[in-house]
Amino acid sequence: MKTTEEIAIDLFKGGLNCSQSVITSYAEKLDFDKGLAMGISCGFGGGMGRLQDTCGAVTGAFMVLGIYNCKKYADNKDRKENTYSMVKEFNKKFKAIHATTNCRLLLGSDLNTVEGQKYVKEHNLHEIICEKCIKNAVQIVNELTN
C-alpha cells in the first residue's frame, strides 16, 4: 500500500498541480470527494494561479487541515481555531525546511515568462523542488494530524 507522500508525488507526476496533488492524496484517508477537491484546488498551483505567491503544496496542505478539523469538530469556532493553529504550526515547520513558502523564491524563476518556464524545465526543478515541497507538505500534515 502506498504512503500518502507516494500518492501525492504520483498525482503530481500524472499531471495534477502541486496543490491538487497534496489535497487529493488525502481523499480516501479523510473520506472526501476527490473530484471536488481537484476542482477547488485547481487554481492554487504555481503559487496560486501561477502568481507565484504561496506554494501550491502549502495551500493544498492548508485545505487538508481544514477538512481534517471540519471532520473532527462539530462547532465551527473549534474548527476555525484548531485549523488556524495547525496552519501556523505547518507554516513554521515548512519554513524551517525551505526558508519560505513563496513559490517564486522556492523555484528561483518566474513561471510567467518563457525563459522562466524553460529554466524550470531544463533544471528539472519540478522534480527537485516541487516534489520535495509536496513530500514535505504531506509529511508535516501527517505529523499534525496524527
N, C-alpha and C. Protein backbone atom coordinates (compact mmCIF):
# COMPACT_ATOMS: atom_id res chain seq x y z
N MET A 1 0.84 -1.18 0.00
CA MET A 1 0.00 0.00 0.00
C MET A 1 0.89 1.25 0.00
N LYS A 2 0.55 2.20 -0.84
CA LYS A 2 1.36 3.41 -0.97
C LYS A 2 1.12 4.37 0.18
N THR A 3 2.17 5.11 0.53
CA THR A 3 2.03 6.15 1.55
C THR A 3 1.36 7.37 0.93
N THR A 4 0.89 8.25 1.77
CA THR A 4 0.28 9.49 1.29
C THR A 4 1.28 10.30 0.47
N GLU A 5 2.55 10.31 0.90
CA GLU A 5 3.59 11.02 0.15
C GLU A 5 3.74 10.45 -1.25
N GLU A 6 3.77 9.13 -1.36
CA GLU A 6 3.90 8.47 -2.66
C GLU A 6 2.69 8.75 -3.55
N ILE A 7 1.51 8.73 -2.96
CA ILE A 7 0.29 9.03 -3.73
C ILE A 7 0.37 10.46 -4.26
N ALA A 8 0.75 11.40 -3.41
CA ALA A 8 0.83 12.81 -3.82
C ALA A 8 1.84 13.01 -4.95
N ILE A 9 2.99 12.39 -4.84
CA ILE A 9 4.02 12.52 -5.89
C ILE A 9 3.53 11.88 -7.19
N ASP A 10 2.90 10.72 -7.10
CA ASP A 10 2.35 10.07 -8.30
C ASP A 10 1.31 10.97 -8.98
N LEU A 11 0.45 11.60 -8.18
CA LEU A 11 -0.56 12.50 -8.74
C LEU A 11 0.09 13.69 -9.44
N PHE A 12 1.15 14.23 -8.84
CA PHE A 12 1.87 15.35 -9.43
C PHE A 12 2.53 14.92 -10.75
N LYS A 13 3.18 13.78 -10.73
CA LYS A 13 3.82 13.27 -11.95
C LYS A 13 2.78 12.95 -13.02
N GLY A 14 1.56 12.68 -12.59
CA GLY A 14 0.48 12.37 -13.51
C GLY A 14 -0.22 13.59 -14.09
N GLY A 15 0.22 14.77 -13.70
CA GLY A 15 -0.32 15.99 -14.30
C GLY A 15 -1.10 16.91 -13.41
N LEU A 16 -1.35 16.52 -12.16
CA LEU A 16 -2.02 17.45 -11.25
C LEU A 16 -1.03 18.51 -10.78
N ASN A 17 -1.53 19.67 -10.42
CA ASN A 17 -0.62 20.69 -9.88
C ASN A 17 -0.28 20.33 -8.43
N CYS A 18 0.62 21.08 -7.85
CA CYS A 18 1.11 20.75 -6.51
C CYS A 18 0.00 20.80 -5.46
N SER A 19 -0.88 21.77 -5.55
CA SER A 19 -1.97 21.88 -4.60
C SER A 19 -2.95 20.72 -4.74
N GLN A 20 -3.32 20.42 -5.97
CA GLN A 20 -4.22 19.29 -6.23
C GLN A 20 -3.60 17.98 -5.74
N SER A 21 -2.32 17.82 -5.94
CA SER A 21 -1.63 16.59 -5.54
C SER A 21 -1.69 16.37 -4.04
N VAL A 22 -1.47 17.44 -3.29
CA VAL A 22 -1.49 17.31 -1.83
C VAL A 22 -2.91 17.01 -1.35
N ILE A 23 -3.87 17.83 -1.73
CA ILE A 23 -5.21 17.65 -1.18
C ILE A 23 -5.83 16.33 -1.61
N THR A 24 -5.70 15.95 -2.88
CA THR A 24 -6.37 14.72 -3.32
C THR A 24 -5.70 13.47 -2.78
N SER A 25 -4.47 13.57 -2.35
CA SER A 25 -3.81 12.40 -1.76
C SER A 25 -4.45 12.02 -0.42
N TYR A 26 -5.25 12.90 0.15
CA TYR A 26 -5.94 12.64 1.42
C TYR A 26 -7.41 12.27 1.25
N ALA A 27 -7.91 12.21 0.02
CA ALA A 27 -9.34 11.98 -0.21
C ALA A 27 -9.84 10.69 0.44
N GLU A 28 -9.11 9.62 0.25
CA GLU A 28 -9.55 8.35 0.84
C GLU A 28 -9.36 8.35 2.35
N LYS A 29 -8.23 8.82 2.80
CA LYS A 29 -7.90 8.82 4.23
C LYS A 29 -8.90 9.65 5.04
N LEU A 30 -9.31 10.80 4.51
CA LEU A 30 -10.23 11.69 5.24
C LEU A 30 -11.66 11.62 4.70
N ASP A 31 -11.88 10.72 3.76
CA ASP A 31 -13.21 10.46 3.22
C ASP A 31 -13.92 11.72 2.70
N PHE A 32 -13.32 12.29 1.64
CA PHE A 32 -13.97 13.41 0.96
C PHE A 32 -13.89 13.20 -0.54
N ASP A 33 -14.69 13.96 -1.28
CA ASP A 33 -14.81 13.80 -2.72
C ASP A 33 -13.55 14.28 -3.43
N LYS A 34 -12.85 13.36 -4.06
CA LYS A 34 -11.59 13.66 -4.75
C LYS A 34 -11.81 14.63 -5.91
N GLY A 35 -12.86 14.42 -6.68
CA GLY A 35 -13.14 15.29 -7.82
C GLY A 35 -13.41 16.73 -7.41
N LEU A 36 -14.18 16.89 -6.36
CA LEU A 36 -14.46 18.24 -5.86
C LEU A 36 -13.18 18.90 -5.35
N ALA A 37 -12.36 18.14 -4.64
CA ALA A 37 -11.09 18.67 -4.13
C ALA A 37 -10.18 19.09 -5.27
N MET A 38 -10.13 18.28 -6.35
CA MET A 38 -9.30 18.64 -7.50
C MET A 38 -9.79 19.94 -8.13
N GLY A 39 -11.10 20.10 -8.20
CA GLY A 39 -11.66 21.32 -8.78
C GLY A 39 -11.39 22.54 -7.93
N ILE A 40 -11.60 22.41 -6.63
CA ILE A 40 -11.38 23.53 -5.72
C ILE A 40 -9.93 23.97 -5.72
N SER A 41 -9.02 23.02 -5.77
CA SER A 41 -7.59 23.32 -5.67
C SER A 41 -6.93 23.63 -7.01
N CYS A 42 -7.67 23.51 -8.09
CA CYS A 42 -7.11 23.70 -9.43
C CYS A 42 -6.39 25.04 -9.61
N GLY A 43 -6.95 26.09 -9.07
CA GLY A 43 -6.37 27.42 -9.24
C GLY A 43 -5.24 27.76 -8.28
N PHE A 44 -4.85 26.81 -7.44
CA PHE A 44 -3.84 27.10 -6.43
C PHE A 44 -2.43 26.66 -6.82
N GLY A 45 -2.26 26.03 -7.97
CA GLY A 45 -0.93 25.62 -8.42
C GLY A 45 -0.11 26.81 -8.87
N GLY A 46 1.19 26.63 -8.91
CA GLY A 46 2.08 27.71 -9.34
C GLY A 46 2.03 28.90 -8.41
N GLY A 47 1.83 28.62 -7.13
CA GLY A 47 1.77 29.72 -6.16
C GLY A 47 0.49 30.52 -6.29
N MET A 48 -0.61 29.83 -6.51
CA MET A 48 -1.96 30.40 -6.67
C MET A 48 -2.12 31.02 -8.04
N GLY A 49 -2.54 30.19 -8.98
CA GLY A 49 -2.80 30.67 -10.33
C GLY A 49 -1.58 31.20 -11.04
N ARG A 50 -0.45 30.60 -10.74
CA ARG A 50 0.84 30.99 -11.30
C ARG A 50 1.22 32.44 -10.93
N LEU A 51 0.64 32.94 -9.84
CA LEU A 51 1.06 34.24 -9.31
C LEU A 51 2.39 34.11 -8.58
N GLN A 52 2.74 32.87 -8.28
CA GLN A 52 3.97 32.51 -7.58
C GLN A 52 4.06 33.14 -6.19
N ASP A 53 2.92 33.17 -5.53
CA ASP A 53 2.91 33.59 -4.13
C ASP A 53 3.04 32.33 -3.28
N THR A 54 2.07 32.01 -2.46
CA THR A 54 2.18 30.84 -1.58
C THR A 54 2.21 29.56 -2.40
N CYS A 55 3.21 28.75 -2.14
CA CYS A 55 3.42 27.46 -2.81
C CYS A 55 2.13 26.63 -2.79
N GLY A 56 1.80 26.02 -3.91
CA GLY A 56 0.61 25.20 -4.01
C GLY A 56 0.61 24.01 -3.06
N ALA A 57 1.76 23.43 -2.79
CA ALA A 57 1.82 22.33 -1.83
C ALA A 57 1.38 22.81 -0.45
N VAL A 58 1.72 24.05 -0.14
CA VAL A 58 1.34 24.65 1.14
C VAL A 58 -0.16 24.91 1.17
N THR A 59 -0.71 25.52 0.12
CA THR A 59 -2.15 25.81 0.12
C THR A 59 -2.95 24.51 0.12
N GLY A 60 -2.46 23.50 -0.58
CA GLY A 60 -3.14 22.19 -0.54
C GLY A 60 -3.15 21.63 0.86
N ALA A 61 -2.03 21.77 1.56
CA ALA A 61 -1.93 21.29 2.94
C ALA A 61 -2.89 22.07 3.85
N PHE A 62 -2.99 23.37 3.65
CA PHE A 62 -3.91 24.18 4.46
C PHE A 62 -5.35 23.69 4.27
N MET A 63 -5.71 23.35 3.04
CA MET A 63 -7.06 22.84 2.77
C MET A 63 -7.27 21.50 3.46
N VAL A 64 -6.27 20.64 3.44
CA VAL A 64 -6.37 19.34 4.13
C VAL A 64 -6.59 19.56 5.62
N LEU A 65 -5.86 20.49 6.21
CA LEU A 65 -6.02 20.76 7.64
C LEU A 65 -7.44 21.25 7.95
N GLY A 66 -8.00 22.05 7.06
CA GLY A 66 -9.38 22.50 7.24
C GLY A 66 -10.36 21.34 7.18
N ILE A 67 -10.18 20.46 6.22
CA ILE A 67 -11.05 19.28 6.10
C ILE A 67 -10.91 18.40 7.34
N TYR A 68 -9.68 18.18 7.76
CA TYR A 68 -9.42 17.36 8.94
C TYR A 68 -10.18 17.91 10.16
N ASN A 69 -10.08 19.20 10.38
CA ASN A 69 -10.73 19.80 11.54
C ASN A 69 -12.24 19.86 11.40
N CYS A 70 -12.73 20.01 10.18
CA CYS A 70 -14.19 20.02 9.98
C CYS A 70 -14.79 18.65 10.25
N LYS A 71 -14.02 17.61 10.05
CA LYS A 71 -14.50 16.26 10.34
C LYS A 71 -14.35 15.94 11.83
N LYS A 72 -13.44 16.63 12.50
CA LYS A 72 -13.16 16.33 13.90
C LYS A 72 -14.04 17.12 14.87
N TYR A 73 -14.37 18.34 14.51
CA TYR A 73 -15.11 19.23 15.42
C TYR A 73 -16.45 19.63 14.83
N ALA A 74 -17.49 19.58 15.64
CA ALA A 74 -18.83 19.96 15.18
C ALA A 74 -19.01 21.47 15.19
N ASP A 75 -18.42 22.15 16.16
CA ASP A 75 -18.59 23.59 16.30
C ASP A 75 -17.63 24.35 15.38
N ASN A 76 -18.15 25.28 14.61
CA ASN A 76 -17.30 26.00 13.65
C ASN A 76 -16.21 26.81 14.33
N LYS A 77 -16.47 27.32 15.53
CA LYS A 77 -15.43 28.07 16.26
C LYS A 77 -14.23 27.15 16.54
N ASP A 78 -14.50 25.93 16.98
CA ASP A 78 -13.42 24.97 17.22
C ASP A 78 -12.71 24.61 15.92
N ARG A 79 -13.50 24.43 14.86
CA ARG A 79 -12.92 24.11 13.56
C ARG A 79 -11.94 25.19 13.13
N LYS A 80 -12.38 26.43 13.22
CA LYS A 80 -11.52 27.55 12.79
C LYS A 80 -10.29 27.67 13.68
N GLU A 81 -10.50 27.68 14.99
CA GLU A 81 -9.37 27.89 15.91
C GLU A 81 -8.32 26.79 15.76
N ASN A 82 -8.77 25.55 15.66
CA ASN A 82 -7.82 24.45 15.52
C ASN A 82 -7.13 24.49 14.16
N THR A 83 -7.88 24.84 13.13
CA THR A 83 -7.27 24.95 11.80
C THR A 83 -6.24 26.07 11.77
N TYR A 84 -6.59 27.22 12.30
CA TYR A 84 -5.65 28.35 12.32
C TYR A 84 -4.37 27.98 13.08
N SER A 85 -4.53 27.30 14.19
CA SER A 85 -3.37 26.89 14.99
C SER A 85 -2.49 25.91 14.19
N MET A 86 -3.12 24.97 13.51
CA MET A 86 -2.36 23.99 12.73
C MET A 86 -1.70 24.63 11.51
N VAL A 87 -2.39 25.59 10.88
CA VAL A 87 -1.80 26.30 9.74
C VAL A 87 -0.54 27.03 10.18
N LYS A 88 -0.61 27.70 11.33
CA LYS A 88 0.57 28.41 11.85
C LYS A 88 1.72 27.45 12.12
N GLU A 89 1.40 26.31 12.73
CA GLU A 89 2.44 25.32 13.02
C GLU A 89 3.01 24.73 11.73
N PHE A 90 2.13 24.43 10.76
CA PHE A 90 2.58 23.94 9.47
C PHE A 90 3.54 24.94 8.84
N ASN A 91 3.14 26.21 8.82
CA ASN A 91 3.95 27.27 8.21
C ASN A 91 5.34 27.33 8.84
N LYS A 92 5.38 27.24 10.15
CA LYS A 92 6.66 27.26 10.87
C LYS A 92 7.54 26.08 10.47
N LYS A 93 6.95 24.90 10.41
CA LYS A 93 7.71 23.70 10.07
C LYS A 93 8.19 23.72 8.60
N PHE A 94 7.32 24.16 7.70
CA PHE A 94 7.69 24.22 6.28
C PHE A 94 8.82 25.23 6.08
N LYS A 95 8.71 26.38 6.72
CA LYS A 95 9.77 27.39 6.60
C LYS A 95 11.08 26.93 7.22
N ALA A 96 11.01 26.11 8.24
CA ALA A 96 12.24 25.56 8.85
C ALA A 96 12.99 24.69 7.84
N ILE A 97 12.25 24.06 6.94
CA ILE A 97 12.87 23.21 5.92
C ILE A 97 13.28 24.02 4.70
N HIS A 98 12.38 24.91 4.22
CA HIS A 98 12.57 25.57 2.93
C HIS A 98 12.87 27.07 3.02
N ALA A 99 12.81 27.64 4.21
CA ALA A 99 13.08 29.07 4.47
C ALA A 99 11.97 30.00 3.98
N THR A 100 11.07 29.52 3.13
CA THR A 100 10.00 30.35 2.60
C THR A 100 8.84 29.46 2.15
N THR A 101 7.68 30.08 1.98
CA THR A 101 6.55 29.39 1.36
C THR A 101 6.25 30.01 0.00
N ASN A 102 7.07 30.93 -0.45
CA ASN A 102 6.86 31.66 -1.70
C ASN A 102 7.37 30.85 -2.89
N CYS A 103 6.47 30.57 -3.81
CA CYS A 103 6.79 29.74 -4.99
C CYS A 103 7.94 30.33 -5.82
N ARG A 104 7.91 31.63 -6.06
CA ARG A 104 8.95 32.26 -6.88
C ARG A 104 10.32 32.11 -6.22
N LEU A 105 10.36 32.28 -4.91
CA LEU A 105 11.64 32.13 -4.21
C LEU A 105 12.08 30.67 -4.14
N LEU A 106 11.13 29.77 -3.96
CA LEU A 106 11.48 28.35 -3.94
C LEU A 106 12.09 27.90 -5.26
N LEU A 107 11.49 28.34 -6.37
CA LEU A 107 11.97 27.93 -7.69
C LEU A 107 13.10 28.81 -8.22
N GLY A 108 13.18 30.04 -7.72
CA GLY A 108 14.20 30.95 -8.24
C GLY A 108 13.98 31.29 -9.69
N SER A 109 12.71 31.29 -10.11
CA SER A 109 12.40 31.51 -11.51
C SER A 109 10.98 32.05 -11.65
N ASP A 110 10.75 32.81 -12.72
CA ASP A 110 9.44 33.39 -12.99
C ASP A 110 8.69 32.49 -13.98
N LEU A 111 7.68 31.80 -13.49
CA LEU A 111 6.90 30.88 -14.32
C LEU A 111 6.03 31.59 -15.35
N ASN A 112 5.94 32.89 -15.27
CA ASN A 112 5.12 33.66 -16.20
C ASN A 112 5.88 34.10 -17.44
N THR A 113 7.12 33.70 -17.53
CA THR A 113 7.91 34.02 -18.73
C THR A 113 8.34 32.73 -19.41
N VAL A 114 8.54 32.82 -20.69
CA VAL A 114 9.02 31.66 -21.45
C VAL A 114 10.38 31.24 -20.92
N GLU A 115 11.22 32.23 -20.63
CA GLU A 115 12.57 31.93 -20.12
C GLU A 115 12.49 31.22 -18.77
N GLY A 116 11.60 31.70 -17.90
CA GLY A 116 11.45 31.10 -16.58
C GLY A 116 10.95 29.67 -16.66
N GLN A 117 9.98 29.42 -17.51
CA GLN A 117 9.46 28.07 -17.69
C GLN A 117 10.54 27.15 -18.27
N LYS A 118 11.30 27.68 -19.19
CA LYS A 118 12.40 26.91 -19.80
C LYS A 118 13.45 26.57 -18.73
N TYR A 119 13.78 27.54 -17.88
CA TYR A 119 14.75 27.33 -16.82
C TYR A 119 14.29 26.21 -15.88
N VAL A 120 13.03 26.27 -15.49
CA VAL A 120 12.47 25.24 -14.58
C VAL A 120 12.57 23.87 -15.23
N LYS A 121 12.21 23.79 -16.49
CA LYS A 121 12.24 22.51 -17.20
C LYS A 121 13.67 22.00 -17.37
N GLU A 122 14.56 22.87 -17.85
CA GLU A 122 15.95 22.46 -18.10
C GLU A 122 16.68 22.04 -16.83
N HIS A 123 16.32 22.65 -15.72
CA HIS A 123 16.98 22.35 -14.45
C HIS A 123 16.19 21.35 -13.60
N ASN A 124 15.14 20.78 -14.21
CA ASN A 124 14.35 19.73 -13.56
C ASN A 124 13.83 20.16 -12.19
N LEU A 125 13.42 21.41 -12.07
CA LEU A 125 13.00 21.95 -10.78
C LEU A 125 11.67 21.40 -10.29
N HIS A 126 10.82 20.94 -11.21
CA HIS A 126 9.58 20.32 -10.75
C HIS A 126 9.89 19.08 -9.91
N GLU A 127 10.89 18.33 -10.34
CA GLU A 127 11.27 17.15 -9.57
C GLU A 127 12.10 17.53 -8.35
N ILE A 128 13.07 18.40 -8.54
CA ILE A 128 13.99 18.74 -7.46
C ILE A 128 13.34 19.58 -6.36
N ILE A 129 12.57 20.58 -6.74
CA ILE A 129 11.98 21.50 -5.77
C ILE A 129 10.52 21.15 -5.46
N CYS A 130 9.69 21.10 -6.50
CA CYS A 130 8.24 20.92 -6.28
C CYS A 130 7.92 19.59 -5.61
N GLU A 131 8.53 18.52 -6.07
CA GLU A 131 8.26 17.22 -5.46
C GLU A 131 8.71 17.19 -4.00
N LYS A 132 9.80 17.86 -3.70
CA LYS A 132 10.26 17.92 -2.31
C LYS A 132 9.27 18.71 -1.46
N CYS A 133 8.76 19.82 -2.00
CA CYS A 133 7.77 20.62 -1.27
C CYS A 133 6.50 19.82 -1.03
N ILE A 134 6.06 19.07 -2.02
CA ILE A 134 4.87 18.22 -1.88
C ILE A 134 5.10 17.17 -0.81
N LYS A 135 6.23 16.49 -0.90
CA LYS A 135 6.54 15.44 0.08
C LYS A 135 6.61 16.02 1.49
N ASN A 136 7.30 17.14 1.65
CA ASN A 136 7.41 17.76 2.97
C ASN A 136 6.06 18.24 3.49
N ALA A 137 5.23 18.80 2.59
CA ALA A 137 3.90 19.26 3.00
C ALA A 137 3.08 18.11 3.55
N VAL A 138 3.11 16.99 2.86
CA VAL A 138 2.36 15.81 3.31
C VAL A 138 2.91 15.29 4.63
N GLN A 139 4.22 15.25 4.75
CA GLN A 139 4.83 14.78 5.99
C GLN A 139 4.42 15.66 7.18
N ILE A 140 4.41 16.97 6.97
CA ILE A 140 4.04 17.88 8.05
C ILE A 140 2.56 17.71 8.40
N VAL A 141 1.70 17.60 7.40
CA VAL A 141 0.27 17.36 7.66
C VAL A 141 0.11 16.07 8.47
N ASN A 142 0.83 15.03 8.08
CA ASN A 142 0.74 13.77 8.83
C ASN A 142 1.17 13.94 10.27
N GLU A 143 2.24 14.70 10.51
CA GLU A 143 2.68 14.96 11.88
C GLU A 143 1.61 15.67 12.68
N LEU A 144 0.98 16.66 12.05
CA LEU A 144 -0.01 17.48 12.76
C LEU A 144 -1.33 16.77 12.99
N THR A 145 -1.65 15.79 12.16
CA THR A 145 -2.95 15.14 12.28
C THR A 145 -2.90 13.77 12.93
N ASN A 146 -1.73 13.31 13.31
CA ASN A 146 -1.61 12.00 14.00
C ASN A 146 -1.57 12.16 15.48
